[in-house]
Protein backbone atom coordinates (compact mmCIF):
# COMPACT_ATOMS: atom_id res chain seq x y z
CA MET A 1 -26.98 37.31 -10.53
CA ASN A 2 -27.47 41.04 -11.92
CA LEU A 3 -24.95 42.24 -14.39
CA LYS A 4 -23.44 43.93 -13.04
CA LYS A 5 -21.99 41.11 -10.64
CA PHE A 6 -21.80 38.98 -13.83
CA MET A 7 -19.31 41.48 -15.41
CA ASP A 8 -17.09 41.68 -12.19
CA ILE A 9 -16.37 38.45 -12.05
CA PHE A 10 -15.04 38.24 -15.73
CA LYS A 11 -12.74 41.18 -14.28
CA MET A 12 -11.50 39.22 -11.66
CA GLY A 13 -9.18 38.09 -13.80
CA ASN A 14 -7.77 34.83 -14.79
CA PHE A 15 -4.75 32.71 -15.87
CA VAL A 16 -3.69 29.75 -18.30
CA VAL A 17 -2.83 26.19 -17.84
CA PRO A 18 -0.16 25.48 -20.79
CA LEU A 19 -1.22 21.89 -21.84
CA TYR A 20 1.97 21.00 -21.52
CA LEU A 21 2.13 21.56 -17.99
CA TYR A 22 -0.92 20.17 -17.42
CA GLN A 23 0.51 16.95 -18.85
CA LEU A 24 3.02 16.80 -16.40
CA ARG A 25 1.07 17.31 -13.08
CA GLN A 26 1.05 13.14 -13.28
CA HIS A 27 4.68 13.32 -13.91
CA PHE A 28 5.31 15.18 -11.17
CA SER A 29 2.48 13.69 -8.82
CA LEU A 30 1.38 16.74 -7.93
CA PRO A 31 -2.75 16.90 -6.20
CA LEU A 32 -4.71 19.08 -8.42
CA GLU A 33 -5.09 21.32 -5.32
CA GLU A 34 -1.96 22.17 -5.47
CA PHE A 35 -0.70 21.49 -8.94
CA MET A 36 -3.06 24.84 -9.62
CA PHE A 37 -1.42 26.81 -6.80
CA LEU A 38 1.67 26.69 -8.47
CA ILE A 39 -0.08 27.48 -11.79
CA TYR A 40 -1.44 30.79 -9.96
CA LEU A 41 1.85 31.50 -8.88
CA SER A 42 3.66 31.22 -11.80
CA ASN A 43 1.95 34.11 -12.99
CA PHE A 44 3.71 36.31 -10.78
CA GLU A 45 7.25 36.77 -10.83
CA GLU A 46 9.81 34.27 -10.18
CA GLN A 47 10.43 35.85 -6.42
CA ILE A 48 7.02 36.51 -5.18
CA PRO A 49 6.88 38.47 -1.81
CA PHE A 50 4.69 36.36 0.91
CA ASP A 51 1.39 37.64 0.70
CA SER A 52 -0.98 35.24 2.82
CA LEU A 53 -4.09 37.26 2.46
CA LYS A 54 -4.19 38.27 -1.09
CA PHE A 55 -3.66 34.77 -1.99
CA THR A 56 -6.12 33.38 0.54
CA LYS A 57 -8.97 35.80 -0.60
CA GLN A 58 -8.12 35.46 -4.23
CA LEU A 59 -8.17 31.17 -4.61
CA HIS A 60 -10.93 31.17 -1.45
CA LEU A 61 -8.45 29.19 0.46
CA SER A 62 -7.72 28.61 4.45
CA LEU A 63 -5.09 29.49 5.77
CA GLN A 64 -4.59 26.47 7.05
CA ASP A 65 -4.85 25.26 3.63
CA MET A 66 -2.75 27.26 2.01
CA MET A 67 0.25 26.72 4.44
CA VAL A 68 -0.11 22.75 4.24
CA TYR A 69 0.49 23.39 0.17
CA ILE A 70 3.41 25.25 0.89
CA ASP A 71 5.39 23.10 3.05
CA HIS A 72 4.56 19.93 1.42
CA LEU A 73 5.81 21.80 -2.40
CA THR A 74 8.75 23.21 -0.11
CA GLU A 75 9.02 19.38 0.86
CA GLU A 76 8.72 18.04 -2.56
CA GLY A 77 11.03 20.78 -3.85
CA PHE A 78 8.58 23.15 -5.89
CA LEU A 79 9.16 26.28 -4.09
CA GLU A 80 11.71 27.76 -1.90
CA MET A 81 11.10 30.23 0.84
CA SER A 82 13.72 33.01 1.84
CA VAL A 83 13.74 36.62 3.35
CA SER A 84 15.17 39.97 2.34
CA LYS A 85 14.74 43.48 2.51
CA ASN A 86 12.31 44.82 0.01
CA GLU A 87 12.69 47.93 -1.75
CA LYS A 88 11.41 50.01 1.50
CA GLY A 89 14.34 48.58 2.81
CA ILE A 90 12.09 46.03 5.17
CA MET A 91 12.92 42.01 5.90
CA GLU A 92 9.91 40.20 3.82
CA GLU A 93 9.48 36.71 3.08
CA TYR A 94 8.83 35.44 -0.81
CA ILE A 95 8.46 32.75 -2.48
CA CYS A 96 10.59 31.61 -5.24
CA LEU A 97 9.77 29.57 -7.84
CA LYS A 98 13.29 29.22 -9.74
CA PRO A 99 13.52 25.07 -8.72
CA PHE A 100 9.79 24.18 -10.77
CA TYR A 101 10.67 26.07 -13.39
CA GLU A 102 14.23 24.03 -13.22
CA LYS A 103 12.18 20.76 -13.00
CA ILE A 104 10.18 21.90 -16.01
CA GLU A 105 13.62 22.20 -17.78
CA GLN A 106 14.84 18.92 -17.18
CA CYS A 107 11.31 17.73 -18.65
CA LEU A 108 11.80 19.52 -21.53
CA MET A 109 15.29 18.35 -21.93
CA GLU A 110 14.36 14.43 -20.91
CA ASP A 111 11.47 15.00 -24.05
CA ILE A 112 13.88 16.21 -26.93
CA THR A 113 16.61 13.74 -25.91
CA ASP A 114 13.81 10.81 -25.99
CA THR A 115 12.78 12.39 -29.69
CA GLU A 116 16.76 12.78 -30.80
CA GLU A 117 16.75 8.79 -29.48
CA VAL A 118 13.53 7.99 -31.72
CA LEU A 119 14.59 10.07 -35.10
CA ASN A 120 18.07 8.43 -34.47
CA GLN A 121 16.35 4.75 -34.75
CA GLU A 122 14.45 5.83 -37.18
CA LYS A 123 17.29 6.81 -39.30
CA LYS A 124 19.27 3.59 -39.10
CA THR A 125 19.09 1.00 -42.02
CA ILE A 126 18.56 -1.91 -42.21
CA TYR A 127 22.29 -2.84 -42.46
CA ASP A 128 22.81 -1.30 -39.27
CA LYS A 129 19.95 -3.22 -37.51
CA VAL A 130 21.48 -6.58 -38.64
CA SER A 131 25.16 -5.69 -37.21
CA GLU A 132 23.86 -4.07 -34.14
CA GLY A 133 21.95 -7.56 -33.30
CA PHE A 134 24.36 -9.60 -34.36
CA ALA A 135 27.15 -7.21 -31.83
CA ARG A 136 29.48 -7.34 -34.90
CA PRO A 137 30.20 -5.27 -37.87
CA ILE A 138 28.53 -7.16 -41.18
CA SER A 139 30.96 -7.64 -44.54
CA SER A 140 30.35 -6.30 -47.71
CA ILE A 141 28.98 -10.05 -49.09
CA GLU A 142 26.26 -9.90 -45.93
CA ARG A 143 25.60 -6.54 -47.59
CA GLU A 144 24.85 -7.79 -50.69
CA ILE A 145 23.03 -10.91 -48.93
CA ILE A 146 20.54 -8.29 -47.58
CA SER A 147 20.14 -6.36 -50.53
CA SER A 148 18.82 -9.76 -52.29
CA TRP A 149 16.05 -9.94 -49.96
CA VAL A 150 15.38 -6.07 -49.90
CA GLU A 151 14.83 -6.80 -53.90
CA ASN A 152 12.83 -9.58 -53.87
CA GLY A 153 10.45 -8.22 -52.41
CA PHE A 154 11.18 -8.94 -48.44
CA GLN A 155 9.59 -6.31 -46.28
CA GLU A 156 12.19 -4.69 -43.30
CA GLU A 157 9.45 -5.74 -40.49
CA LEU A 158 9.86 -9.48 -42.12
CA ILE A 159 13.38 -9.56 -41.73
CA LEU A 160 13.73 -7.93 -38.90
CA ALA A 161 11.63 -10.48 -37.52
CA ALA A 162 13.85 -13.29 -38.90
CA LEU A 163 17.07 -11.18 -37.07
CA LYS A 164 15.04 -11.68 -33.81
CA GLU A 165 14.75 -15.67 -34.90
CA THR A 166 18.25 -15.87 -35.18
CA VAL A 167 19.64 -14.32 -32.31
CA PHE A 168 16.89 -16.10 -29.77
CA ASN A 169 18.49 -19.32 -31.38
CA GLY A 170 22.01 -18.20 -30.82
CA VAL A 171 23.22 -17.35 -34.44
CA SER A 172 24.77 -14.84 -35.44
CA ASN A 173 24.89 -15.20 -39.61
CA LEU A 174 23.12 -14.87 -42.55
CA ARG A 175 22.65 -18.44 -44.16
CA TYR A 176 20.29 -18.85 -40.91
CA MET A 177 18.01 -15.70 -41.23
CA ASP A 178 18.39 -16.90 -44.84
CA LYS A 179 16.85 -20.05 -44.80
CA ILE A 180 14.20 -18.64 -42.42
CA LEU A 181 13.40 -16.10 -44.69
CA TYR A 182 13.01 -18.84 -47.27
CA GLU A 183 10.40 -20.91 -45.06
CA TRP A 184 8.65 -18.12 -43.96
CA ASN A 185 8.07 -16.85 -48.41
CA LYS A 186 7.16 -20.51 -49.59
CA LYS A 187 4.50 -20.71 -46.32
CA GLY A 188 3.26 -17.14 -48.08
CA TYR A 189 4.06 -15.08 -44.71
CA LYS A 190 4.54 -11.19 -45.88
CA ARG A 191 5.02 -9.58 -42.69
CA ALA A 192 6.03 -10.15 -38.91
CA GLU A 193 2.35 -10.14 -38.06
CA ASP A 194 1.91 -13.29 -40.35
CA VAL A 195 4.62 -14.95 -37.87
CA LEU A 196 3.48 -14.21 -35.17
CA LEU A 197 0.06 -15.13 -35.78
CA SER A 198 1.42 -18.91 -37.09
CA LYS A 199 3.62 -19.25 -33.98
CA GLN A 200 -0.06 -18.54 -32.16
CA LYS A 201 -2.03 -21.61 -34.07
CA TYR A 202 0.90 -23.93 -33.35
CA GLN A 203 1.32 -22.91 -29.70
CA GLU A 204 -2.32 -23.27 -29.46
CA LYS A 205 -2.76 -26.38 -31.46
CA GLN A 206 0.07 -27.89 -29.06
CA ARG A 207 -2.11 -27.12 -26.22
CA LYS A 208 -5.28 -29.16 -27.99
CA LYS A 209 -2.82 -32.11 -28.69
CA GLU A 210 -1.38 -32.25 -24.91
CA LYS A 211 -5.10 -32.25 -23.60
CA LEU A 212 -6.06 -35.13 -25.80
CA GLU A 213 -2.85 -36.78 -24.98
CA LEU A 214 -4.20 -36.58 -20.92
CA PHE A 215 -7.61 -37.89 -21.37
CA ASP A 216 -6.88 -40.90 -23.80
CA TYR A 217 -4.01 -42.15 -21.32
CA ASP A 218 -5.29 -45.33 -20.17
CA TRP A 219 -4.80 -44.87 -16.10
CA PHE A 220 -5.95 -48.18 -15.02
CA ASP A 221 -3.14 -49.91 -17.34
CA ASP A 222 -0.57 -48.15 -16.30
CA ASP A 223 1.46 -50.30 -13.58
CA GLY A 224 3.76 -47.37 -12.28
CA GLU A 225 7.17 -47.68 -11.79
């Protein structure tokens, strides 16, 4: 390949694919070829004159493949085809990318909403989370009890683990939670992970015990019912 040919390749032009759009490809469930065709079109105006010769030549596509892409993208709501007069007053076919941009806007709005929900969740205090867990407002006395847990060094994740345990057992008062935290503190649990590991060890011990009892059973001494 000579230098002139090499330089001509770089003069052919290029188009940029924003990382966010590339990440949306999986969300849109589009084949890579159709997605790249969309990106190619997005480098033009929103309303693009349908120039099949130009598209196929620049993208090295067959006319049949290009029409398959356009048909599928139109069916999936990414493109719209329309006919209107051009500047010379001649009827011309256009590709409209407005539906594609609307889909991107919808995804952006959903991402913003998800981010706001995460931030709002992070802003919730331990009091809010306990109140939410019990599905009722907590009293001023209950707030003091929760404050005392925090002051005594209980991590928030451990308090929330105790809340989960309390609600799971169908109870909605802090006395039950206090007893759980007291027992966990005696056993040296500092984090929710400590509780989880303890439960796993207990379950494993129970499984081994059940197996042992099964093998120790005297089947010959069983008279049946």
